[in-house]
Amino acid sequence: LEANDPQTDFVFPNPPNILQSAYIEDQYSTIEAQ
């Protein structure tokens, strides 16, 4: 990518990270089904 000021022209926002809590909820749902 070509830019005059890479620091301000292009920015990658940080997405939220909820992967760990999703694994816990998935396991809890499995136990509930059993």
PDB file of all heavy atoms in Angstrom:
ATOM      1  N   LEU A   1       0.850  -1.187   0.000  1.00  0.00           N
ATOM      2  CA  LEU A   1       0.000   0.000   0.000  1.00  0.00           C
ATOM      3  C   LEU A   1       0.886   1.238   0.000  1.00  0.00           C
ATOM      4  O   LEU A   1       1.841   1.320   0.791  1.00  0.00           O
ATOM      5  CB  LEU A   1      -0.925   0.003   1.228  1.00  0.00           C
ATOM      6  CG  LEU A   1      -1.963  -1.113   1.307  1.00  0.00           C
ATOM      7  CD1 LEU A   1      -2.730  -1.031   2.625  1.00  0.00           C
ATOM      8  CD2 LEU A   1      -2.921  -1.060   0.139  1.00  0.00           C
ATOM      9  N   GLU A   2       0.563   2.186  -0.849  1.00  0.00           N
ATOM     10  CA  GLU A   2       1.304   3.442  -0.916  1.00  0.00           C
ATOM     11  C   GLU A   2       0.541   4.504  -0.125  1.00  0.00           C
ATOM     12  O   GLU A   2      -0.663   4.675  -0.300  1.00  0.00           O
ATOM     13  CB  GLU A   2       1.480   3.878  -2.364  1.00  0.00           C
ATOM     14  CG  GLU A   2       2.342   2.920  -3.192  1.00  0.00           C
ATOM     15  CD  GLU A   2       2.518   3.405  -4.615  1.00  0.00           C
ATOM     16  OE1 GLU A   2       1.905   4.453  -4.944  1.00  0.00           O
ATOM     17  OE2 GLU A   2       3.257   2.761  -5.374  1.00  0.00           O
ATOM     18  N   ALA A   3       1.263   5.256   0.740  1.00  0.00           N
ATOM     19  CA  ALA A   3       0.637   6.286   1.556  1.00  0.00           C
ATOM     20  C   ALA A   3       1.661   7.345   1.902  1.00  0.00           C
ATOM     21  O   ALA A   3       2.872   7.058   2.017  1.00  0.00           O
ATOM     22  CB  ALA A   3       0.054   5.675   2.832  1.00  0.00           C
ATOM     23  N   ASN A   4       1.174   8.580   2.047  1.00  0.00           N
ATOM     24  CA  ASN A   4       2.059   9.674   2.471  1.00  0.00           C
ATOM     25  C   ASN A   4       2.416   9.536   3.951  1.00  0.00           C
ATOM     26  O   ASN A   4       3.546   9.769   4.357  1.00  0.00           O
ATOM     27  CB  ASN A   4       1.387  11.024   2.214  1.00  0.00           C
ATOM     28  CG  ASN A   4       1.186  11.274   0.724  1.00  0.00           C
ATOM     29  OD1 ASN A   4       2.012  10.856  -0.089  1.00  0.00           O
ATOM     30  ND2 ASN A   4       0.090  11.931   0.368  1.00  0.00           N
ATOM     31  N   ASP A   5       1.428   9.142   4.762  1.00  0.00           N
ATOM     32  CA  ASP A   5       1.638   8.979   6.199  1.00  0.00           C
ATOM     33  C   ASP A   5       1.008   7.658   6.616  1.00  0.00           C
ATOM     34  O   ASP A   5      -0.186   7.601   6.953  1.00  0.00           O
ATOM     35  CB  ASP A   5       1.021  10.149   6.959  1.00  0.00           C
ATOM     36  CG  ASP A   5       1.362  10.111   8.448  1.00  0.00           C
ATOM     37  OD1 ASP A   5       2.072   9.169   8.860  1.00  0.00           O
ATOM     38  OD2 ASP A   5       0.907  11.001   9.185  1.00  0.00           O
ATOM     39  N   PRO A   6       1.768   6.562   6.578  1.00  0.00           N
ATOM     40  CA  PRO A   6       1.179   5.246   6.883  1.00  0.00           C
ATOM     41  C   PRO A   6       0.570   5.162   8.271  1.00  0.00           C
ATOM     42  O   PRO A   6      -0.366   4.396   8.498  1.00  0.00           O
ATOM     43  CB  PRO A   6       2.359   4.279   6.739  1.00  0.00           C
ATOM     44  CG  PRO A   6       3.334   4.996   5.872  1.00  0.00           C
ATOM     45  CD  PRO A   6       3.186   6.453   6.182  1.00  0.00           C
ATOM     46  N   GLN A   7       1.078   5.934   9.215  1.00  0.00           N
ATOM     47  CA  GLN A   7       0.575   5.860  10.579  1.00  0.00           C
ATOM     48  C   GLN A   7      -0.853   6.371  10.689  1.00  0.00           C
ATOM     49  O   GLN A   7      -1.598   5.951  11.569  1.00  0.00           O
ATOM     50  CB  GLN A   7       1.490   6.653  11.512  1.00  0.00           C
ATOM     51  CG  GLN A   7       2.914   6.124  11.569  1.00  0.00           C
ATOM     52  CD  GLN A   7       2.974   4.733  12.155  1.00  0.00           C
ATOM     53  OE1 GLN A   7       2.147   4.367  12.988  1.00  0.00           O
ATOM     54  NE2 GLN A   7       3.959   3.949  11.717  1.00  0.00           N
ATOM     55  N   THR A   8      -1.236   7.280   9.838  1.00  0.00           N
ATOM     56  CA  THR A   8      -2.580   7.885   9.929  1.00  0.00           C
ATOM     57  C   THR A   8      -3.467   7.535   8.742  1.00  0.00           C
ATOM     58  O   THR A   8      -4.689   7.559   8.855  1.00  0.00           O
ATOM     59  CB  THR A   8      -2.460   9.409  10.034  1.00  0.00           C
ATOM     60  OG1 THR A   8      -1.758   9.918   8.871  1.00  0.00           O
ATOM     61  CG2 THR A   8      -1.715   9.808  11.301  1.00  0.00           C
ATOM     62  N   ASP A   9      -2.847   7.222   7.590  1.00  0.00           N
ATOM     63  CA  ASP A   9      -3.674   6.915   6.412  1.00  0.00           C
ATOM     64  C   ASP A   9      -4.362   5.553   6.539  1.00  0.00           C
ATOM     65  O   ASP A   9      -5.506   5.379   6.119  1.00  0.00           O
ATOM     66  CB  ASP A   9      -2.815   6.950   5.154  1.00  0.00           C
ATOM     67  CG  ASP A   9      -2.402   8.366   4.777  1.00  0.00           C
ATOM     68  OD1 ASP A   9      -2.981   9.306   5.355  1.00  0.00           O
ATOM     69  OD2 ASP A   9      -1.502   8.519   3.933  1.00  0.00           O
ATOM     70  N   PHE A  10      -3.660   4.560   7.106  1.00  0.00           N
ATOM     71  CA  PHE A  10      -4.224   3.214   7.239  1.00  0.00           C
ATOM     72  C   PHE A  10      -4.068   2.749   8.690  1.00  0.00           C
ATOM     73  O   PHE A  10      -2.969   2.806   9.246  1.00  0.00           O
ATOM     74  CB  PHE A  10      -3.526   2.212   6.309  1.00  0.00           C
ATOM     75  CG  PHE A  10      -3.586   2.604   4.857  1.00  0.00           C
ATOM     76  CD1 PHE A  10      -2.476   3.164   4.238  1.00  0.00           C
ATOM     77  CD2 PHE A  10      -4.744   2.439   4.130  1.00  0.00           C
ATOM     78  CE1 PHE A  10      -2.521   3.537   2.907  1.00  0.00           C
ATOM     79  CE2 PHE A  10      -4.797   2.811   2.795  1.00  0.00           C
ATOM     80  CZ  PHE A  10      -3.687   3.368   2.178  1.00  0.00           C
ATOM     81  N   VAL A  11      -5.160   2.317   9.265  1.00  0.00           N
ATOM     82  CA  VAL A  11      -5.157   1.852  10.646  1.00  0.00           C
ATOM     83  C   VAL A  11      -5.933   0.534  10.711  1.00  0.00           C
ATOM     84  O   VAL A  11      -7.026   0.429  10.148  1.00  0.00           O
ATOM     85  CB  VAL A  11      -5.770   2.886  11.606  1.00  0.00           C
ATOM     86  CG1 VAL A  11      -5.801   2.338  13.035  1.00  0.00           C
ATOM     87  CG2 VAL A  11      -5.001   4.192  11.547  1.00  0.00           C
ATOM     88  N   PHE A  12      -5.375  -0.456  11.398  1.00  0.00           N
ATOM     89  CA  PHE A  12      -6.068  -1.727  11.628  1.00  0.00           C
ATOM     90  C   PHE A  12      -6.643  -1.706  13.045  1.00  0.00           C
ATOM     91  O   PHE A  12      -5.868  -1.748  14.017  1.00  0.00           O
ATOM     92  CB  PHE A  12      -5.114  -2.908  11.482  1.00  0.00           C
ATOM     93  CG  PHE A  12      -4.669  -3.163  10.076  1.00  0.00           C
ATOM     94  CD1 PHE A  12      -3.491  -2.607   9.594  1.00  0.00           C
ATOM     95  CD2 PHE A  12      -5.432  -3.944   9.222  1.00  0.00           C
ATOM     96  CE1 PHE A  12      -3.079  -2.826   8.300  1.00  0.00           C
ATOM     97  CE2 PHE A  12      -5.023  -4.164   7.924  1.00  0.00           C
ATOM     98  CZ  PHE A  12      -3.846  -3.609   7.455  1.00  0.00           C
ATOM     99  N   PRO A  13      -7.963  -1.616  13.193  1.00  0.00           N
ATOM    100  CA  PRO A  13      -8.529  -1.633  14.551  1.00  0.00           C
ATOM    101  C   PRO A  13      -8.345  -3.001  15.191  1.00  0.00           C
ATOM    102  O   PRO A  13      -8.318  -4.035  14.516  1.00  0.00           O
ATOM    103  CB  PRO A  13     -10.004  -1.312  14.321  1.00  0.00           C
ATOM    104  CG  PRO A  13     -10.282  -1.756  12.922  1.00  0.00           C
ATOM    105  CD  PRO A  13      -9.006  -1.530  12.149  1.00  0.00           C
ATOM    106  N   ASN A  14      -8.220  -3.012  16.492  1.00  0.00           N
ATOM    107  CA  ASN A  14      -8.076  -4.260  17.233  1.00  0.00           C
ATOM    108  C   ASN A  14      -9.450  -4.864  17.502  1.00  0.00           C
ATOM    109  O   ASN A  14     -10.250  -4.286  18.248  1.00  0.00           O
ATOM    110  CB  ASN A  14      -7.351  -4.014  18.553  1.00  0.00           C
ATOM    111  CG  ASN A  14      -5.921  -3.571  18.338  1.00  0.00           C
ATOM    112  OD1 ASN A  14      -5.244  -4.053  17.438  1.00  0.00           O
ATOM    113  ND2 ASN A  14      -5.465  -2.631  19.162  1.00  0.00           N
ATOM    114  N   PRO A  15      -9.769  -6.039  16.898  1.00  0.00           N
ATOM    115  CA  PRO A  15     -11.072  -6.672  17.157  1.00  0.00           C
ATOM    116  C   PRO A  15     -11.115  -7.255  18.555  1.00  0.00           C
ATOM    117  O   PRO A  15     -10.085  -7.614  19.126  1.00  0.00           O
ATOM    118  CB  PRO A  15     -11.140  -7.765  16.092  1.00  0.00           C
ATOM    119  CG  PRO A  15      -9.720  -8.091  15.800  1.00  0.00           C
ATOM    120  CD  PRO A  15      -8.950  -6.806  15.952  1.00  0.00           C
ATOM    121  N   PRO A  16     -12.292  -7.328  19.145  1.00  0.00           N
ATOM    122  CA  PRO A  16     -12.401  -7.916  20.485  1.00  0.00           C
ATOM    123  C   PRO A  16     -12.056  -9.398  20.453  1.00  0.00           C
ATOM    124  O   PRO A  16     -12.315 -10.102  19.486  1.00  0.00           O
ATOM    125  CB  PRO A  16     -13.863  -7.686  20.857  1.00  0.00           C
ATOM    126  CG  PRO A  16     -14.576  -7.560  19.553  1.00  0.00           C
ATOM    127  CD  PRO A  16     -13.603  -6.916  18.607  1.00  0.00           C
ATOM    128  N   ASN A  17     -11.504  -9.878  21.531  1.00  0.00           N
ATOM    129  CA  ASN A  17     -11.107 -11.278  21.648  1.00  0.00           C
ATOM    130  C   ASN A  17     -11.945 -11.951  22.723  1.00  0.00           C
ATOM    131  O   ASN A  17     -11.736 -11.746  23.915  1.00  0.00           O
ATOM    132  CB  ASN A  17      -9.616 -11.370  21.993  1.00  0.00           C
ATOM    133  CG  ASN A  17      -9.135 -12.812  21.955  1.00  0.00           C
ATOM    134  OD1 ASN A  17      -9.900 -13.716  21.622  1.00  0.00           O
ATOM    135  ND2 ASN A  17      -7.874 -13.017  22.285  1.00  0.00           N
ATOM    136  N   ILE A  18     -12.910 -12.721  22.273  1.00  0.00           N
ATOM    137  CA  ILE A  18     -13.792 -13.432  23.212  1.00  0.00           C
ATOM    138  C   ILE A  18     -13.696 -14.938  22.996  1.00  0.00           C
ATOM    139  O   ILE A  18     -14.584 -15.693  23.381  1.00  0.00           O
ATOM    140  CB  ILE A  18     -15.252 -12.977  23.050  1.00  0.00           C
ATOM    141  CG1 ILE A  18     -15.742 -13.237  21.612  1.00  0.00           C
ATOM    142  CG2 ILE A  18     -15.411 -11.515  23.415  1.00  0.00           C
ATOM    143  CD1 ILE A  18     -17.221 -13.016  21.444  1.00  0.00           C
ATOM    144  N   LEU A  19     -12.632 -15.404  22.343  1.00  0.00           N
ATOM    145  CA  LEU A  19     -12.523 -16.822  22.020  1.00  0.00           C
ATOM    146  C   LEU A  19     -12.526 -17.687  23.275  1.00  0.00           C
ATOM    147  O   LEU A  19     -13.181 -18.726  23.327  1.00  0.00           O
ATOM    148  CB  LEU A  19     -11.248 -17.072  21.219  1.00  0.00           C
ATOM    149  CG  LEU A  19     -11.282 -16.608  19.754  1.00  0.00           C
ATOM    150  CD1 LEU A  19      -9.925 -16.822  19.118  1.00  0.00           C
ATOM    151  CD2 LEU A  19     -12.341 -17.359  18.985  1.00  0.00           C
ATOM    152  N   GLN A  20     -11.806 -17.278  24.297  1.00  0.00           N
ATOM    153  CA  GLN A  20     -11.696 -18.100  25.496  1.00  0.00           C
ATOM    154  C   GLN A  20     -13.042 -18.296  26.169  1.00  0.00           C
ATOM    155  O   GLN A  20     -13.420 -19.415  26.533  1.00  0.00           O
ATOM    156  CB  GLN A  20     -10.701 -17.469  26.475  1.00  0.00           C
ATOM    157  CG  GLN A  20     -10.380 -18.342  27.677  1.00  0.00           C
ATOM    158  CD  GLN A  20      -9.730 -19.650  27.266  1.00  0.00           C
ATOM    159  OE1 GLN A  20      -8.968 -19.700  26.295  1.00  0.00           O
ATOM    160  NE2 GLN A  20     -10.032 -20.721  27.988  1.00  0.00           N
ATOM    161  N   SER A  21     -13.804 -17.235  26.318  1.00  0.00           N
ATOM    162  CA  SER A  21     -15.122 -17.361  26.939  1.00  0.00           C
ATOM    163  C   SER A  21     -16.077 -18.163  26.070  1.00  0.00           C
ATOM    164  O   SER A  21     -16.965 -18.849  26.573  1.00  0.00           O
ATOM    165  CB  SER A  21     -15.699 -15.972  27.220  1.00  0.00           C
ATOM    166  OG  SER A  21     -15.822 -15.234  26.013  1.00  0.00           O
ATOM    167  N   ALA A  22     -15.908 -18.116  24.741  1.00  0.00           N
ATOM    168  CA  ALA A  22     -16.771 -18.903  23.855  1.00  0.00           C
ATOM    169  C   ALA A  22     -16.538 -20.389  24.060  1.00  0.00           C
ATOM    170  O   ALA A  22     -17.482 -21.185  24.060  1.00  0.00           O
ATOM    171  CB  ALA A  22     -16.525 -18.519  22.396  1.00  0.00           C
ATOM    172  N   TYR A  23     -15.289 -20.799  24.235  1.00  0.00           N
ATOM    173  CA  TYR A  23     -14.992 -22.218  24.489  1.00  0.00           C
ATOM    174  C   TYR A  23     -15.628 -22.674  25.803  1.00  0.00           C
ATOM    175  O   TYR A  23     -16.135 -23.797  25.907  1.00  0.00           O
ATOM    176  CB  TYR A  23     -13.486 -22.444  24.531  1.00  0.00           C
ATOM    177  CG  TYR A  23     -12.831 -22.417  23.166  1.00  0.00           C
ATOM    178  CD1 TYR A  23     -11.891 -21.453  22.855  1.00  0.00           C
ATOM    179  CD2 TYR A  23     -13.156 -23.357  22.196  1.00  0.00           C
ATOM    180  CE1 TYR A  23     -11.282 -21.429  21.604  1.00  0.00           C
ATOM    181  CE2 TYR A  23     -12.568 -23.341  20.958  1.00  0.00           C
ATOM    182  CZ  TYR A  23     -11.629 -22.367  20.658  1.00  0.00           C
ATOM    183  OH  TYR A  23     -11.043 -22.343  19.423  1.00  0.00           O
ATOM    184  N   ILE A  24     -15.610 -21.841  26.801  1.00  0.00           N
ATOM    185  CA  ILE A  24     -16.206 -22.201  28.088  1.00  0.00           C
ATOM    186  C   ILE A  24     -17.713 -22.376  27.946  1.00  0.00           C
ATOM    187  O   ILE A  24     -18.305 -23.327  28.465  1.00  0.00           O
ATOM    188  CB  ILE A  24     -15.856 -21.130  29.141  1.00  0.00           C
ATOM    189  CG1 ILE A  24     -14.347 -21.084  29.378  1.00  0.00           C
ATOM    190  CG2 ILE A  24     -16.595 -21.400  30.445  1.00  0.00           C
ATOM    191  CD1 ILE A  24     -13.907 -19.975  30.309  1.00  0.00           C
ATOM    192  N   GLU A  25     -18.362 -21.454  27.231  1.00  0.00           N
ATOM    193  CA  GLU A  25     -19.809 -21.553  27.033  1.00  0.00           C
ATOM    194  C   GLU A  25     -20.173 -22.788  26.223  1.00  0.00           C
ATOM    195  O   GLU A  25     -21.173 -23.446  26.485  1.00  0.00           O
ATOM    196  CB  GLU A  25     -20.318 -20.291  26.323  1.00  0.00           C
ATOM    197  CG  GLU A  25     -20.249 -19.029  27.159  1.00  0.00           C
ATOM    198  CD  GLU A  25     -21.182 -19.099  28.355  1.00  0.00           C
ATOM    199  OE1 GLU A  25     -22.204 -19.803  28.272  1.00  0.00           O
ATOM    200  OE2 GLU A  25     -20.886 -18.455  29.374  1.00  0.00           O
ATOM    201  N   ASP A  26     -19.359 -23.125  25.237  1.00  0.00           N
ATOM    202  CA  ASP A  26     -19.617 -24.317  24.424  1.00  0.00           C
ATOM    203  C   ASP A  26     -19.542 -25.576  25.281  1.00  0.00           C
ATOM    204  O   ASP A  26     -20.379 -26.476  25.172  1.00  0.00           O
ATOM    205  CB  ASP A  26     -18.612 -24.376  23.281  1.00  0.00           C
ATOM    206  CG  ASP A  26     -18.940 -25.491  22.297  1.00  0.00           C
ATOM    207  OD1 ASP A  26     -18.518 -26.633  22.551  1.00  0.00           O
ATOM    208  OD2 ASP A  26     -19.632 -25.217  21.301  1.00  0.00           O
ATOM    209  N   GLN A  27     -18.527 -25.653  26.149  1.00  0.00           N
ATOM    210  CA  GLN A  27     -18.399 -26.809  27.022  1.00  0.00           C
ATOM    211  C   GLN A  27     -19.542 -26.896  28.017  1.00  0.00           C
ATOM    212  O   GLN A  27     -20.065 -27.981  28.305  1.00  0.00           O
ATOM    213  CB  GLN A  27     -17.056 -26.745  27.762  1.00  0.00           C
ATOM    214  CG  GLN A  27     -16.810 -27.920  28.705  1.00  0.00           C
ATOM    215  CD  GLN A  27     -16.805 -29.251  27.978  1.00  0.00           C
ATOM    216  OE1 GLN A  27     -16.430 -29.324  26.807  1.00  0.00           O
ATOM    217  NE2 GLN A  27     -17.223 -30.303  28.667  1.00  0.00           N
ATOM    218  N   TYR A  28     -19.978 -25.771  28.532  1.00  0.00           N
ATOM    219  CA  TYR A  28     -21.100 -25.755  29.473  1.00  0.00           C
ATOM    220  C   TYR A  28     -22.377 -26.224  28.783  1.00  0.00           C
ATOM    221  O   TYR A  28     -23.173 -26.966  29.363  1.00  0.00           O
ATOM    222  CB  TYR A  28     -21.280 -24.351  30.030  1.00  0.00           C
ATOM    223  CG  TYR A  28     -22.463 -24.215  30.960  1.00  0.00           C
ATOM    224  CD1 TYR A  28     -22.421 -24.715  32.263  1.00  0.00           C
ATOM    225  CD2 TYR A  28     -23.643 -23.606  30.527  1.00  0.00           C
ATOM    226  CE1 TYR A  28     -23.504 -24.611  33.107  1.00  0.00           C
ATOM    227  CE2 TYR A  28     -24.735 -23.497  31.365  1.00  0.00           C
ATOM    228  CZ  TYR A  28     -24.661 -23.994  32.660  1.00  0.00           C
ATOM    229  OH  TYR A  28     -25.740 -23.890  33.484  1.00  0.00           O
ATOM    230  N   SER A  29     -22.576 -25.818  27.527  1.00  0.00           N
ATOM    231  CA  SER A  29     -23.760 -26.265  26.782  1.00  0.00           C
ATOM    232  C   SER A  29     -23.730 -27.768  26.557  1.00  0.00           C
ATOM    233  O   SER A  29     -24.761 -28.443  26.620  1.00  0.00           O
ATOM    234  CB  SER A  29     -23.832 -25.531  25.434  1.00  0.00           C
ATOM    235  OG  SER A  29     -24.915 -25.991  24.669  1.00  0.00           O
ATOM    236  N   THR A  30     -22.538 -28.337  26.300  1.00  0.00           N
ATOM    237  CA  THR A  30     -22.419 -29.790  26.125  1.00  0.00           C
ATOM    238  C   THR A  30     -22.821 -30.524  27.401  1.00  0.00           C
ATOM    239  O   THR A  30     -23.544 -31.532  27.353  1.00  0.00           O
ATOM    240  CB  THR A  30     -20.979 -30.150  25.746  1.00  0.00           C
ATOM    241  OG1 THR A  30     -20.629 -29.477  24.536  1.00  0.00           O
ATOM    242  CG2 THR A  30     -20.830 -31.646  25.553  1.00  0.00           C
ATOM    243  N   ILE A  31     -22.387 -30.027  28.532  1.00  0.00           N
ATOM    244  CA  ILE A  31     -22.730 -30.657  29.810  1.00  0.00           C
ATOM    245  C   ILE A  31     -24.235 -30.558  30.064  1.00  0.00           C
ATOM    246  O   ILE A  31     -24.865 -31.506  30.549  1.00  0.00           O
ATOM    247  CB  ILE A  31     -21.922 -30.013  30.952  1.00  0.00           C
ATOM    248  CG1 ILE A  31     -20.429 -30.257  30.747  1.00  0.00           C
ATOM    249  CG2 ILE A  31     -22.362 -30.550  32.303  1.00  0.00           C
ATOM    250  CD1 ILE A  31     -19.546 -29.553  31.745  1.00  0.00           C
ATOM    251  N   GLU A  32     -24.833 -29.436  29.735  1.00  0.00           N
ATOM    252  CA  GLU A  32     -26.278 -29.265  29.911  1.00  0.00           C
ATOM    253  C   GLU A  32     -27.046 -30.264  29.063  1.00  0.00           C
ATOM    254  O   GLU A  32     -28.041 -30.845  29.512  1.00  0.00           O
ATOM    255  CB  GLU A  32     -26.685 -27.825  29.553  1.00  0.00           C
ATOM    256  CG  GLU A  32     -26.324 -26.797  30.603  1.00  0.00           C
ATOM    257  CD  GLU A  32     -27.072 -27.040  31.904  1.00  0.00           C
ATOM    258  OE1 GLU A  32     -28.307 -27.167  31.866  1.00  0.00           O
ATOM    259  OE2 GLU A  32     -26.419 -27.135  32.957  1.00  0.00           O
ATOM    260  N   ALA A  33     -26.608 -30.480  27.820  1.00  0.00           N
ATOM    261  CA  ALA A  33     -27.280 -31.444  26.950  1.00  0.00           C
ATOM    262  C   ALA A  33     -27.189 -32.855  27.525  1.00  0.00           C
ATOM    263  O   ALA A  33     -28.155 -33.626  27.476  1.00  0.00           O
ATOM    264  CB  ALA A  33     -26.681 -31.393  25.544  1.00  0.00           C
ATOM    265  N   GLN A  34     -26.054 -33.213  28.091  1.00  0.00           N
ATOM    266  CA  GLN A  34     -25.899 -34.537  28.665  1.00  0.00           C
ATOM    267  C   GLN A  34     -26.765 -34.711  29.910  1.00  0.00           C
ATOM    268  O   GLN A  34     -27.281 -35.799  30.169  1.00  0.00           O
ATOM    269  CB  GLN A  34     -24.428 -34.776  29.009  1.00  0.00           C
ATOM    270  CG  GLN A  34     -23.519 -34.830  27.792  1.00  0.00           C
ATOM    271  CD  GLN A  34     -22.065 -35.015  28.157  1.00  0.00           C
ATOM    272  OE1 GLN A  34     -21.724 -35.200  29.320  1.00  0.00           O
ATOM    273  NE2 GLN A  34     -21.187 -34.961  27.162  1.00  0.00           N
TER     274      GLN A  34
END
